[in-house]
N, C-alpha and C. Protein backbone atom coordinates (compact mmCIF):
# COMPACT_ATOMS: atom_id res chain seq x y z
N GLN A 1 0.67 -1.23 0.09
CA GLN A 1 0.11 -0.09 0.09
C GLN A 1 0.98 1.21 0.03
N LEU A 2 0.64 2.01 -1.04
CA LEU A 2 1.36 3.30 -0.95
C LEU A 2 0.56 4.23 -0.01
N VAL A 3 1.53 5.15 0.71
CA VAL A 3 0.88 5.89 1.74
C VAL A 3 1.63 7.44 1.91
N HIS A 4 0.71 8.36 1.64
CA HIS A 4 1.13 9.97 1.78
C HIS A 4 0.63 10.49 2.82
N TYR A 5 1.62 11.40 3.41
CA TYR A 5 1.17 12.24 4.46
C TYR A 5 1.47 13.84 4.01
N GLY A 6 0.59 14.52 4.18
CA GLY A 6 0.89 16.03 3.81
C GLY A 6 1.02 16.72 5.14
N PRO A 7 1.13 18.00 5.12
CA PRO A 7 1.39 18.85 6.51
C PRO A 7 0.11 18.68 7.20
N GLY A 8 0.35 18.49 8.43
CA GLY A 8 -0.35 18.28 9.62
C GLY A 8 -1.15 16.78 9.47
N GLN A 9 -0.87 16.15 8.66
CA GLN A 9 -1.28 14.69 8.64
C GLN A 9 -0.63 13.82 9.59
N GLU A 10 -1.30 12.81 10.26
CA GLU A 10 -0.51 11.87 10.99
C GLU A 10 -1.57 10.60 11.03
N TYR A 11 -1.08 9.58 11.95
CA TYR A 11 -1.79 8.42 11.91
C TYR A 11 -1.61 8.21 13.44
N THR A 12 -2.77 8.28 14.30
CA THR A 12 -2.45 8.13 15.83
C THR A 12 -2.15 6.81 16.38
N ALA A 13 -1.67 6.47 17.47
CA ALA A 13 -1.16 5.21 17.92
C ALA A 13 -2.14 4.11 17.72
N HIS A 14 -1.76 2.93 17.33
CA HIS A 14 -2.64 2.01 16.78
C HIS A 14 -2.13 0.64 16.67
N HIS A 15 -2.81 -0.65 16.77
CA HIS A 15 -2.11 -1.85 16.57
C HIS A 15 -2.39 -2.17 15.26
N ASP A 16 -1.52 -2.93 14.58
CA ASP A 16 -2.00 -3.61 13.20
C ASP A 16 -2.82 -4.76 13.06
N PHE A 17 -3.04 -5.46 14.33
CA PHE A 17 -3.59 -6.52 14.42
C PHE A 17 -5.23 -6.10 14.98
N GLY A 18 -6.03 -7.06 14.46
CA GLY A 18 -7.47 -7.14 14.93
C GLY A 18 -7.95 -8.57 15.34
N PHE A 19 -9.07 -8.67 15.63
CA PHE A 19 -9.69 -9.73 16.03
C PHE A 19 -10.58 -10.54 15.07
N SER A 20 -10.66 -11.53 14.76
CA SER A 20 -11.46 -12.57 13.92
C SER A 20 -12.64 -12.79 14.39
N ARG A 21 -13.75 -12.92 13.62
CA ARG A 21 -14.84 -13.31 13.95
C ARG A 21 -14.89 -14.51 14.61
N ILE A 22 -15.74 -14.86 15.70
CA ILE A 22 -15.48 -16.12 16.37
C ILE A 22 -15.78 -17.45 15.51
N ASP A 23 -16.48 -17.11 14.53
CA ASP A 23 -16.75 -18.08 13.40
C ASP A 23 -15.71 -18.45 12.46
N ASP A 24 -14.90 -17.71 12.46
CA ASP A 24 -13.75 -17.74 11.60
C ASP A 24 -12.83 -19.06 11.78
N GLN A 25 -12.83 -19.91 11.04
CA GLN A 25 -12.38 -21.31 11.31
C GLN A 25 -10.68 -21.07 11.13
N PHE A 26 -10.41 -20.19 10.63
CA PHE A 26 -8.74 -19.81 10.46
C PHE A 26 -8.30 -18.97 11.39
N GLN A 27 -9.10 -18.13 11.83
CA GLN A 27 -8.66 -16.91 12.85
C GLN A 27 -7.18 -16.19 12.35
N GLY A 28 -7.34 -15.84 10.97
CA GLY A 28 -6.17 -15.26 10.39
C GLY A 28 -5.90 -13.75 11.17
N ALA A 29 -4.74 -13.46 11.26
CA ALA A 29 -4.24 -12.26 11.67
C ALA A 29 -2.84 -11.72 10.84
N ARG A 30 -3.05 -10.28 11.05
CA ARG A 30 -1.83 -9.70 10.38
C ARG A 30 -0.80 -9.79 11.62
N PHE A 31 0.35 -10.45 11.09
CA PHE A 31 1.45 -10.71 12.09
C PHE A 31 2.86 -10.15 11.97
N GLY A 32 2.76 -9.35 10.78
CA GLY A 32 4.19 -8.55 10.44
C GLY A 32 3.73 -7.44 9.46
N THR A 33 4.51 -6.32 9.75
CA THR A 33 4.44 -5.04 9.16
C THR A 33 5.92 -4.83 8.51
N LEU A 34 6.02 -4.26 7.17
CA LEU A 34 7.27 -3.66 6.89
C LEU A 34 6.85 -2.53 6.16
N LEU A 35 7.50 -1.32 6.95
CA LEU A 35 7.52 0.07 6.35
C LEU A 35 8.98 0.44 5.62
N LEU A 36 8.64 1.02 4.34
CA LEU A 36 9.53 1.23 3.33
C LEU A 36 9.62 2.84 3.29
N TYR A 37 10.35 3.59 3.54
CA TYR A 37 10.31 5.07 3.31
C TYR A 37 10.77 5.36 1.99
N LEU A 38 10.28 6.33 1.32
CA LEU A 38 10.44 6.73 0.02
C LEU A 38 10.95 8.07 -0.22
N ASN A 39 11.06 8.96 0.80
CA ASN A 39 11.42 10.19 0.90
C ASN A 39 12.16 10.76 2.16
N GLU A 40 12.61 11.96 2.32
CA GLU A 40 13.01 12.18 3.38
C GLU A 40 13.24 13.90 3.19
N GLY A 41 13.53 14.52 4.36
CA GLY A 41 13.46 15.90 4.40
C GLY A 41 12.36 16.80 4.88
N MET A 42 11.36 16.01 5.17
CA MET A 42 10.36 16.69 6.06
C MET A 42 10.67 16.89 7.40
N THR A 43 9.64 17.68 7.82
CA THR A 43 9.91 17.90 9.60
C THR A 43 8.77 17.29 10.09
N GLY A 44 9.15 16.45 11.12
CA GLY A 44 8.12 15.66 11.79
C GLY A 44 7.78 14.20 10.88
N GLY A 45 6.78 13.69 11.05
CA GLY A 45 6.72 12.32 10.26
C GLY A 45 7.41 11.02 10.73
N GLU A 46 7.98 11.19 11.80
CA GLU A 46 8.65 9.99 12.54
C GLU A 46 7.42 8.78 12.97
N THR A 47 8.12 7.68 12.55
CA THR A 47 7.27 6.43 13.04
C THR A 47 7.62 6.20 14.86
N SER A 48 6.71 6.25 15.43
CA SER A 48 6.96 5.93 16.84
C SER A 48 6.21 4.86 17.71
N PHE A 49 7.07 4.18 18.56
CA PHE A 49 6.68 3.16 19.34
C PHE A 49 6.50 3.46 20.62
N PRO A 50 5.23 4.08 21.12
CA PRO A 50 5.06 4.72 22.18
C PRO A 50 5.30 3.77 23.67
N ARG A 51 5.09 2.40 23.19
CA ARG A 51 4.95 1.38 24.44
C ARG A 51 6.36 0.48 24.39
N TRP A 52 7.12 0.96 23.53
CA TRP A 52 8.46 0.10 23.37
C TRP A 52 9.45 0.30 24.53
N SER A 53 10.05 -0.81 24.90
CA SER A 53 11.05 -0.73 26.15
C SER A 53 11.77 -1.91 26.02
N ASN A 54 13.15 -1.52 26.60
CA ASN A 54 14.07 -2.66 26.41
C ASN A 54 14.96 -2.53 28.08
N ALA A 55 15.82 -3.12 28.17
CA ALA A 55 16.67 -3.17 29.67
C ALA A 55 17.05 -1.69 29.98
N GLU A 56 17.16 -0.86 29.16
CA GLU A 56 17.69 0.39 29.39
C GLU A 56 16.75 1.60 29.34
N THR A 57 15.75 1.58 28.79
CA THR A 57 14.71 2.77 28.83
C THR A 57 13.22 2.28 28.45
N PHE A 58 12.46 3.16 29.01
CA PHE A 58 10.84 3.20 28.76
C PHE A 58 10.59 3.89 27.89
N HIS A 59 11.38 5.00 27.18
CA HIS A 59 11.15 6.02 26.29
C HIS A 59 10.71 5.60 24.97
N GLU A 60 9.85 6.22 24.36
CA GLU A 60 9.30 5.58 22.95
C GLU A 60 10.51 5.55 22.06
N LEU A 61 10.45 4.60 21.18
CA LEU A 61 11.20 4.61 20.03
C LEU A 61 10.62 5.22 18.99
N SER A 62 11.66 6.03 18.26
CA SER A 62 11.31 7.12 16.96
C SER A 62 11.97 6.98 16.04
N ILE A 63 11.39 6.53 14.75
CA ILE A 63 12.41 6.47 13.64
C ILE A 63 11.96 7.45 12.70
N LYS A 64 13.18 8.22 12.15
CA LYS A 64 13.04 9.23 11.31
C LYS A 64 13.03 8.64 9.92
N PRO A 65 11.97 9.14 9.21
CA PRO A 65 12.04 8.53 7.76
C PRO A 65 13.50 8.90 6.90
N GLU A 66 13.85 8.06 6.34
CA GLU A 66 15.11 8.61 5.38
C GLU A 66 14.84 7.63 4.07
N VAL A 67 15.30 7.93 2.97
CA VAL A 67 15.23 7.13 1.72
C VAL A 67 15.84 5.75 1.91
N GLY A 68 15.36 4.81 1.43
CA GLY A 68 15.89 3.50 1.69
C GLY A 68 15.80 2.78 2.90
N LYS A 69 15.47 3.61 3.84
CA LYS A 69 15.30 3.01 5.28
C LYS A 69 13.86 2.19 5.40
N ALA A 70 14.10 1.10 6.14
CA ALA A 70 12.83 0.16 6.43
C ALA A 70 12.75 0.01 7.76
N VAL A 71 11.37 -0.45 8.23
CA VAL A 71 11.24 -0.75 9.54
C VAL A 71 10.39 -2.09 9.59
N LEU A 72 10.77 -3.11 10.18
CA LEU A 72 10.12 -4.35 10.14
C LEU A 72 9.62 -4.64 11.67
N PHE A 73 8.39 -4.88 12.00
CA PHE A 73 8.11 -5.09 13.40
C PHE A 73 6.74 -6.21 13.18
N TYR A 74 6.71 -7.05 14.32
CA TYR A 74 5.52 -8.18 14.40
C TYR A 74 4.67 -7.58 15.30
N SER A 75 3.40 -7.93 15.14
CA SER A 75 2.21 -7.79 15.75
C SER A 75 1.93 -8.80 16.64
N GLN A 76 2.62 -9.93 16.65
CA GLN A 76 2.34 -11.22 17.27
C GLN A 76 3.56 -11.64 17.98
N LEU A 77 3.70 -12.29 19.18
CA LEU A 77 4.57 -12.80 19.91
C LEU A 77 4.93 -14.21 19.41
N PRO A 78 5.96 -14.78 19.79
CA PRO A 78 6.43 -16.32 19.00
C PRO A 78 5.35 -17.44 19.35
N ASP A 79 4.75 -16.96 20.51
CA ASP A 79 3.78 -18.02 20.87
C ASP A 79 2.20 -17.93 19.91
N GLY A 80 2.19 -16.88 19.36
CA GLY A 80 1.02 -16.43 18.74
C GLY A 80 0.25 -15.37 19.33
N ASN A 81 0.61 -15.09 20.45
CA ASN A 81 -0.46 -14.07 21.26
C ASN A 81 0.00 -12.89 20.76
N LEU A 82 -0.94 -11.82 20.78
CA LEU A 82 -0.77 -10.58 20.27
C LEU A 82 0.22 -9.68 21.05
N ASP A 83 0.96 -8.81 20.47
CA ASP A 83 2.00 -8.21 21.19
C ASP A 83 1.42 -6.81 21.26
N ASP A 84 1.24 -6.29 22.37
CA ASP A 84 0.52 -4.91 22.56
C ASP A 84 1.78 -3.85 22.49
N LEU A 85 3.12 -4.64 22.66
CA LEU A 85 4.10 -3.39 22.47
C LEU A 85 4.25 -3.05 20.89
N SER A 86 3.46 -3.67 19.89
CA SER A 86 3.86 -3.24 18.69
C SER A 86 2.72 -2.01 18.32
N HIS A 87 2.24 -1.28 19.45
CA HIS A 87 1.47 -0.43 19.28
C HIS A 87 2.41 0.91 18.83
N HIS A 88 2.04 1.40 17.66
CA HIS A 88 2.67 2.48 16.80
C HIS A 88 1.81 3.84 16.20
N ALA A 89 2.81 4.71 15.82
CA ALA A 89 2.04 5.71 15.31
C ALA A 89 2.79 6.30 14.06
N ALA A 90 2.32 7.12 13.37
CA ALA A 90 3.07 7.94 12.40
C ALA A 90 2.77 9.47 13.00
N LYS A 91 3.83 10.10 13.48
CA LYS A 91 3.79 11.46 13.93
C LYS A 91 3.42 12.45 12.91
N PRO A 92 2.81 13.48 13.39
CA PRO A 92 2.54 14.71 12.32
C PRO A 92 3.49 15.25 11.46
N VAL A 93 3.24 15.29 10.38
CA VAL A 93 4.37 15.93 9.38
C VAL A 93 4.03 17.37 9.54
N THR A 94 4.81 18.15 9.90
CA THR A 94 4.94 19.69 10.16
C THR A 94 5.25 20.53 8.91
N ASP A 95 5.95 19.98 7.91
CA ASP A 95 6.57 20.53 6.96
C ASP A 95 7.03 19.55 5.99
N GLY A 96 6.64 19.85 4.59
CA GLY A 96 6.87 18.94 3.62
C GLY A 96 5.81 17.71 3.58
N GLU A 97 6.44 16.71 2.96
CA GLU A 97 5.34 15.41 2.88
C GLU A 97 6.23 14.19 3.15
N LYS A 98 5.49 13.30 3.34
CA LYS A 98 5.94 11.87 3.79
C LYS A 98 5.42 10.91 2.85
N TRP A 99 6.36 9.99 1.96
CA TRP A 99 5.99 9.00 1.31
C TRP A 99 6.16 7.46 1.66
N LEU A 100 5.47 6.66 1.86
CA LEU A 100 6.18 5.22 2.24
C LEU A 100 5.11 4.03 1.76
N ILE A 101 5.61 2.95 1.58
CA ILE A 101 4.86 1.85 1.32
C ILE A 101 4.84 0.97 2.69
N ASN A 102 3.62 0.36 2.79
CA ASN A 102 3.61 -0.62 3.91
C ASN A 102 3.10 -1.92 3.24
N LEU A 103 3.66 -2.90 3.83
CA LEU A 103 3.41 -4.38 3.31
C LEU A 103 3.28 -5.15 4.66
N TRP A 104 2.07 -5.88 4.51
CA TRP A 104 1.63 -6.47 5.79
C TRP A 104 1.66 -8.00 5.50
N THR A 105 2.04 -8.81 6.36
CA THR A 105 2.04 -10.11 6.39
C THR A 105 0.92 -10.93 7.14
N TRP A 106 -0.03 -11.71 6.61
CA TRP A 106 -1.14 -12.24 7.48
C TRP A 106 -0.81 -13.78 7.64
N ASP A 107 -1.22 -14.16 8.70
CA ASP A 107 -1.18 -15.69 9.02
C ASP A 107 -2.59 -16.18 9.70
N PRO A 108 -2.84 -17.16 9.22
CA PRO A 108 -2.53 -18.21 8.16
C PRO A 108 -2.99 -17.91 6.64
N ILE A 109 -4.22 -17.51 6.81
CA ILE A 109 -5.15 -17.02 5.53
C ILE A 109 -5.70 -15.74 5.67
N TYR A 110 -5.97 -15.01 4.86
CA TYR A 110 -6.36 -13.72 4.76
C TYR A 110 -7.44 -13.69 3.36
N ASP A 111 -8.85 -13.54 3.66
CA ASP A 111 -9.78 -13.48 2.80
C ASP A 111 -9.95 -12.07 2.36
């Protein structure tokens, strides 16, 4: 999917996973997201992970868009449970524009 953000546009914090209907025999879910940045030079527009944490910090992880940079993250844990720490946002573009491609991987089947 090709995505464009102009000045003032953002995508507030969200998860890429959802919940299947209870009668869905496959219970398919989006488990991986790849973001490919196509331009740079804008002000703002970072991709942030506000719930990200590691052994050193609990401050959000923020990725500045740069041509050729990619971000891969998973919405599921190895055991198949949904990962709440995959919560992410596209910060507002304050000057310029942002272009990217997102690619989602679904498991096991997506209709």
